[in-house]
Amino acid sequence: MFLKMRIPFTTIVCTLFLLVSCNEYQKVLKNEEVKPKYDLAEKLYKEGDFKRAKRLFEQIAPRYVGKPQGERVMFFFADSYFQSGDYYLSGYQFERFVKSYPKSEKLQEALYLEAKSYYELSPRYSLDQSETDKALSKLQNFVNTYPDSEYFAKANEMAQELTRKKQKKEIEIAKQFDKLGEFNFPILVSSIAALDNFIAENPGSVYREDAFYYRVKSAVHLAENSTLRRQPERFKEAKVHYDALMKAYPETKYSKEVASLLKKINNNLSESKDLSK
């Protein structure tokens, strides 16, 4: 005995609608005429069907170059990539739009979405940051050019986030220098120089305290690995870095670690005084 399954009427209607819609799309996609493609592409775009819309825009965009509708088509084309999550191509297409239509009413939005496309491509801090550099450059250019834009706050927020990401990468590299360079003189010298630059160039960084601490630590390791003749001078330099850390962060989160480093510094400076008598 077979049971009869009742399929809801709305399900049947929706299925039929999808079949008709797909058939219409395939028919227009294969059609050589531009106008039907344009009409359906815009319809799909407005309905939020960006993946199918961008295929149609891709076909017709070259045909609208230099025509009145070209600006509209090119913006929708770029935005279809963006809305579909294809940020590499959306960034490229918005860049083309900006160059092609520098006086467009959509210029500000296009510049913002171009920058945001590259922001979305920025990888985690441990990877190569070329895309981050490009996104940061685009975002900084946008916030400098449009300080009154409705997109300003978000663009500025994204720029700050990418800046912190780059700073984190620099600090992590410094940590690796410190770890690898504990008994390696050239690496320690490079570590201190990199941390000097970081502190000077990033006055408001959330990683600034870390930079101060690792500079003290690297300076102590450098002094310990120096010749007996150079040790007094290098421990004095380490003490200068320690004083700078304590001045900037008197309640430092590294209080226990720097107390141990200070003990090494003072012990070695005392020994140097004794030897000089």
Protein backbone atom coordinates (compact mmCIF):
# COMPACT_ATOMS: atom_id res chain seq x y z
CA MET A 1 0.00 0.00 0.00
CA PHE A 2 1.48 3.35 -1.01
CA LEU A 3 1.05 6.50 1.00
CA LYS A 4 0.12 9.62 -0.93
CA MET A 5 2.42 12.56 -0.18
CA ARG A 6 0.86 15.98 -0.30
CA ILE A 7 3.18 18.69 -1.58
CA PRO A 8 2.21 22.20 -0.43
CA PHE A 9 0.83 24.37 -3.20
CA THR A 10 3.33 27.16 -2.38
CA THR A 11 6.23 24.72 -2.85
CA ILE A 12 4.94 23.77 -6.29
CA VAL A 13 4.54 27.45 -7.26
CA CYS A 14 8.05 28.34 -6.05
CA THR A 15 9.57 25.38 -7.91
CA LEU A 16 7.82 26.32 -11.13
CA PHE A 17 8.90 29.94 -10.70
CA LEU A 18 12.53 28.90 -10.26
CA LEU A 19 12.38 26.67 -13.33
CA VAL A 20 10.90 29.45 -15.42
CA SER A 21 13.42 31.94 -14.02
CA CYS A 22 16.37 29.63 -14.78
CA ASN A 23 15.10 28.98 -18.29
CA GLU A 24 14.70 32.72 -18.88
CA TYR A 25 18.20 33.38 -17.56
CA GLN A 26 19.80 30.69 -19.73
CA LYS A 27 17.91 31.92 -22.76
CA VAL A 28 19.05 35.54 -22.27
CA LEU A 29 22.60 34.43 -21.41
CA LYS A 30 22.89 32.74 -24.82
CA ASN A 31 21.12 35.54 -26.65
CA GLU A 32 23.33 37.83 -28.74
CA GLU A 33 21.11 40.88 -28.15
CA VAL A 34 22.42 43.35 -25.58
CA LYS A 35 19.18 44.97 -24.40
CA PRO A 36 17.59 41.81 -22.93
CA LYS A 37 20.85 41.08 -21.11
CA TYR A 38 20.93 44.61 -19.72
CA ASP A 39 17.33 44.48 -18.52
CA LEU A 40 17.69 41.08 -16.87
CA ALA A 41 21.08 41.92 -15.34
CA GLU A 42 19.66 45.02 -13.69
CA LYS A 43 16.58 43.10 -12.54
CA LEU A 44 18.71 40.35 -10.97
CA TYR A 45 21.01 42.94 -9.39
CA LYS A 46 18.09 44.72 -7.73
CA GLU A 47 16.73 41.38 -6.50
CA GLY A 48 20.09 40.56 -4.90
CA ASP A 49 20.96 37.74 -7.32
CA PHE A 50 24.47 39.08 -7.79
CA LYS A 51 26.14 35.92 -9.07
CA ARG A 52 23.87 35.63 -12.07
CA ALA A 53 23.78 39.40 -12.57
CA LYS A 54 27.56 39.66 -12.82
CA ARG A 55 27.69 37.03 -15.59
CA LEU A 56 25.36 39.14 -17.67
CA PHE A 57 27.16 42.39 -16.83
CA GLU A 58 30.42 40.72 -17.79
CA GLN A 59 29.03 40.00 -21.25
CA ILE A 60 27.58 43.46 -21.90
CA ALA A 61 30.08 45.77 -20.15
CA PRO A 62 32.44 46.04 -23.19
CA ARG A 63 29.45 46.94 -25.39
CA TYR A 64 28.54 49.93 -23.23
CA VAL A 65 31.97 51.57 -23.12
CA GLY A 66 31.57 55.23 -24.11
CA LYS A 67 27.77 55.05 -23.99
CA PRO A 68 25.52 56.90 -21.50
CA GLN A 69 24.57 53.65 -19.72
CA GLY A 70 28.24 52.61 -19.47
CA GLU A 71 28.77 54.27 -16.09
CA ARG A 72 25.73 52.54 -14.58
CA VAL A 73 26.65 49.15 -16.05
CA MET A 74 30.26 49.35 -14.88
CA PHE A 75 29.29 50.29 -11.31
CA PHE A 76 26.72 47.49 -11.06
CA PHE A 77 29.26 45.08 -12.57
CA ALA A 78 31.90 45.96 -9.97
CA ASP A 79 29.38 45.89 -7.13
CA SER A 80 28.07 42.49 -8.24
CA TYR A 81 31.56 41.10 -7.70
CA PHE A 82 31.74 42.81 -4.31
CA GLN A 83 28.35 41.58 -3.17
CA SER A 84 29.28 38.05 -4.31
CA GLY A 85 32.40 38.10 -2.16
CA ASP A 86 34.80 38.11 -5.12
CA TYR A 87 36.87 40.92 -3.64
CA TYR A 88 39.92 40.62 -5.89
CA LEU A 89 37.84 41.29 -9.00
CA SER A 90 35.60 43.87 -7.30
CA GLY A 91 38.68 45.84 -6.29
CA TYR A 92 39.98 45.67 -9.85
CA GLN A 93 36.63 46.65 -11.38
CA PHE A 94 36.04 49.56 -8.98
CA GLU A 95 39.56 50.77 -9.76
CA ARG A 96 38.66 50.73 -13.45
CA PHE A 97 35.40 52.57 -12.70
CA VAL A 98 37.23 55.33 -10.81
CA LYS A 99 39.67 55.84 -13.68
CA SER A 100 36.93 55.78 -16.31
CA TYR A 101 34.43 58.03 -14.51
CA PRO A 102 36.36 60.47 -12.28
CA LYS A 103 33.38 62.89 -12.21
CA SER A 104 30.74 60.28 -11.42
CA GLU A 105 28.20 60.85 -8.64
CA LYS A 106 29.14 57.32 -7.56
CA LEU A 107 32.85 58.16 -7.32
CA GLN A 108 32.94 58.41 -3.51
CA GLU A 109 31.07 55.14 -3.03
CA ALA A 110 33.23 53.43 -5.65
CA LEU A 111 36.44 54.56 -3.94
CA TYR A 112 35.14 53.32 -0.61
CA LEU A 113 34.11 49.92 -2.01
CA GLU A 114 37.42 49.64 -3.86
CA ALA A 115 39.28 50.20 -0.57
CA LYS A 116 36.96 47.82 1.28
CA SER A 117 37.56 45.14 -1.36
CA TYR A 118 41.28 45.21 -0.62
CA TYR A 119 40.54 45.33 3.11
CA GLU A 120 38.61 42.06 2.73
CA LEU A 121 41.64 40.54 0.96
CA SER A 122 44.01 41.39 3.83
CA PRO A 123 45.29 38.07 5.28
CA ARG A 124 46.04 37.16 8.88
CA TYR A 125 48.99 39.05 10.39
CA SER A 126 51.46 36.15 10.11
CA LEU A 127 51.22 36.06 6.30
CA ASP A 128 52.59 38.42 3.65
CA GLN A 129 51.02 41.84 4.11
CA SER A 130 51.21 43.19 0.54
CA GLU A 131 47.41 43.22 0.25
CA THR A 132 47.19 44.91 3.66
CA ASP A 133 49.57 47.65 2.50
CA LYS A 134 47.46 48.21 -0.61
CA ALA A 135 44.21 48.31 1.39
CA LEU A 136 45.72 50.66 3.96
CA SER A 137 46.91 53.01 1.24
CA LYS A 138 43.44 53.05 -0.35
CA LEU A 139 41.66 53.59 2.98
CA GLN A 140 43.99 56.36 4.10
CA ASN A 141 43.57 58.10 0.76
CA PHE A 142 39.79 57.86 1.17
CA VAL A 143 39.65 59.26 4.72
CA ASN A 144 42.01 62.08 3.75
CA THR A 145 39.95 62.95 0.66
CA TYR A 146 36.46 62.60 2.15
CA PRO A 147 36.53 63.59 5.84
CA ASP A 148 32.80 64.37 5.73
CA SER A 149 31.74 61.18 3.99
CA GLU A 150 29.07 58.88 5.39
CA TYR A 151 31.66 56.12 4.95
CA PHE A 152 34.39 57.99 6.85
CA ALA A 153 33.89 56.33 10.27
CA LYS A 154 33.89 52.81 8.84
CA ALA A 155 36.85 53.50 6.55
CA ASN A 156 38.81 54.97 9.45
CA GLU A 157 37.93 51.97 11.62
CA MET A 158 39.17 49.56 8.93
CA ALA A 159 42.38 51.56 8.49
CA GLN A 160 43.07 51.40 12.23
CA GLU A 161 42.40 47.66 12.26
CA LEU A 162 44.88 47.08 9.42
CA THR A 163 47.45 49.31 11.12
CA ARG A 164 47.17 47.22 14.29
CA LYS A 165 47.56 44.07 12.21
CA LYS A 166 50.80 45.36 10.69
CA GLN A 167 52.05 46.44 14.11
CA LYS A 168 51.28 42.99 15.51
CA LYS A 169 53.32 41.41 12.72
CA GLU A 170 56.25 43.73 13.54
CA ILE A 171 56.07 42.84 17.24
CA GLU A 172 55.85 39.12 16.49
CA ILE A 173 58.94 39.43 14.29
CA ALA A 174 60.72 41.23 17.14
CA LYS A 175 59.75 38.41 19.50
CA GLN A 176 61.19 35.89 17.06
CA PHE A 177 64.36 37.98 16.79
CA ASP A 178 64.60 37.94 20.56
CA LYS A 179 64.07 34.18 20.71
CA LEU A 180 66.48 33.34 17.88
CA GLY A 181 68.97 36.01 18.82
CA GLU A 182 69.53 35.17 22.47
CA PHE A 183 72.98 33.90 21.50
CA ASN A 184 73.25 35.57 18.09
CA PHE A 185 74.88 39.00 18.08
CA PRO A 186 73.76 40.29 14.62
CA ILE A 187 70.11 39.30 15.21
CA LEU A 188 70.08 41.09 18.56
CA VAL A 189 71.44 44.27 16.96
CA SER A 190 68.72 44.06 14.28
CA SER A 191 66.07 43.43 16.93
CA ILE A 192 66.98 46.53 18.93
CA ALA A 193 67.11 48.70 15.80
CA ALA A 194 63.69 47.41 14.67
CA LEU A 195 62.18 48.07 18.10
CA ASP A 196 63.70 51.58 18.18
CA ASN A 197 61.96 52.31 14.88
CA PHE A 198 58.69 50.77 16.03
CA ILE A 199 58.58 52.90 19.20
CA ALA A 200 59.43 56.07 17.28
CA GLU A 201 56.94 55.45 14.45
CA ASN A 202 53.97 54.10 16.44
CA PRO A 203 53.38 56.40 19.42
CA GLY A 204 49.77 55.31 19.90
CA SER A 205 50.16 51.58 19.25
CA VAL A 206 48.61 49.02 21.58
CA TYR A 207 51.86 47.07 21.15
CA ARG A 208 54.14 49.91 22.26
CA GLU A 209 54.63 48.51 25.77
CA ASP A 210 55.65 45.17 24.26
CA ALA A 211 58.19 46.96 22.09
CA PHE A 212 59.72 48.73 25.13
CA TYR A 213 59.97 45.44 27.01
CA TYR A 214 61.53 43.42 24.18
CA ARG A 215 64.03 46.21 23.58
CA VAL A 216 65.23 45.91 27.19
CA LYS A 217 65.37 42.13 26.92
CA SER A 218 67.31 42.20 23.62
CA ALA A 219 69.67 44.85 25.00
CA VAL A 220 70.48 42.67 28.04
CA HIS A 221 71.11 39.64 25.80
CA LEU A 222 73.31 41.79 23.57
CA ALA A 223 75.34 42.97 26.57
CA GLU A 224 75.73 39.40 27.84
CA ASN A 225 77.04 38.28 24.43
CA SER A 226 79.48 41.16 24.10
CA THR A 227 83.19 41.05 24.86
CA LEU A 228 84.24 41.88 28.42
CA ARG A 229 85.52 45.23 27.18
CA ARG A 230 82.15 46.17 25.63
CA GLN A 231 79.90 44.78 28.35
CA PRO A 232 79.88 47.84 30.69
CA GLU A 233 78.85 50.14 27.85
CA ARG A 234 76.14 47.76 26.64
CA PHE A 235 74.69 47.15 30.09
CA LYS A 236 74.48 50.93 30.53
CA GLU A 237 72.51 51.07 27.26
CA ALA A 238 70.25 48.31 28.55
CA LYS A 239 69.67 50.38 31.72
CA VAL A 240 68.70 53.38 29.59
CA HIS A 241 66.12 51.21 27.80
CA TYR A 242 64.88 49.91 31.15
CA ASP A 243 64.44 53.47 32.45
CA ALA A 244 62.54 54.41 29.28
CA LEU A 245 60.15 51.49 29.79
CA MET A 246 59.51 52.36 33.43
CA LYS A 247 58.97 56.02 32.61
CA ALA A 248 56.42 55.19 29.91
CA TYR A 249 54.79 52.30 31.80
CA PRO A 250 55.51 52.51 35.55
CA GLU A 251 52.88 49.81 36.17
CA THR A 252 54.08 47.63 33.30
CA LYS A 253 52.56 44.21 32.78
CA TYR A 254 56.13 42.93 32.47
CA SER A 255 57.09 44.00 36.02
CA LYS A 256 58.28 40.52 37.04
CA GLU A 257 60.35 40.02 33.89
CA VAL A 258 61.98 43.47 33.96
CA ALA A 259 62.81 43.08 37.65
CA SER A 260 64.89 40.04 36.69
CA LEU A 261 66.51 41.93 33.82
CA LEU A 262 67.29 44.89 36.07
CA LYS A 263 69.00 42.56 38.52
CA LYS A 264 71.28 41.31 35.73
CA ILE A 265 72.01 44.88 34.65
CA ASN A 266 72.86 46.08 38.16
CA ASN A 267 74.96 43.00 38.97
CA ASN A 268 77.04 43.40 35.85
CA LEU A 269 77.48 47.15 36.31
CA SER A 270 78.58 46.56 39.91
CA GLU A 271 81.09 43.96 38.79
CA SER A 272 82.44 46.36 36.19
CA LYS A 273 82.97 49.03 38.85
CA ASP A 274 84.80 46.55 41.07
CA LEU A 275 87.08 45.53 38.23
CA SER A 276 87.89 49.13 37.38
CA LYS A 277 89.15 49.90 40.90
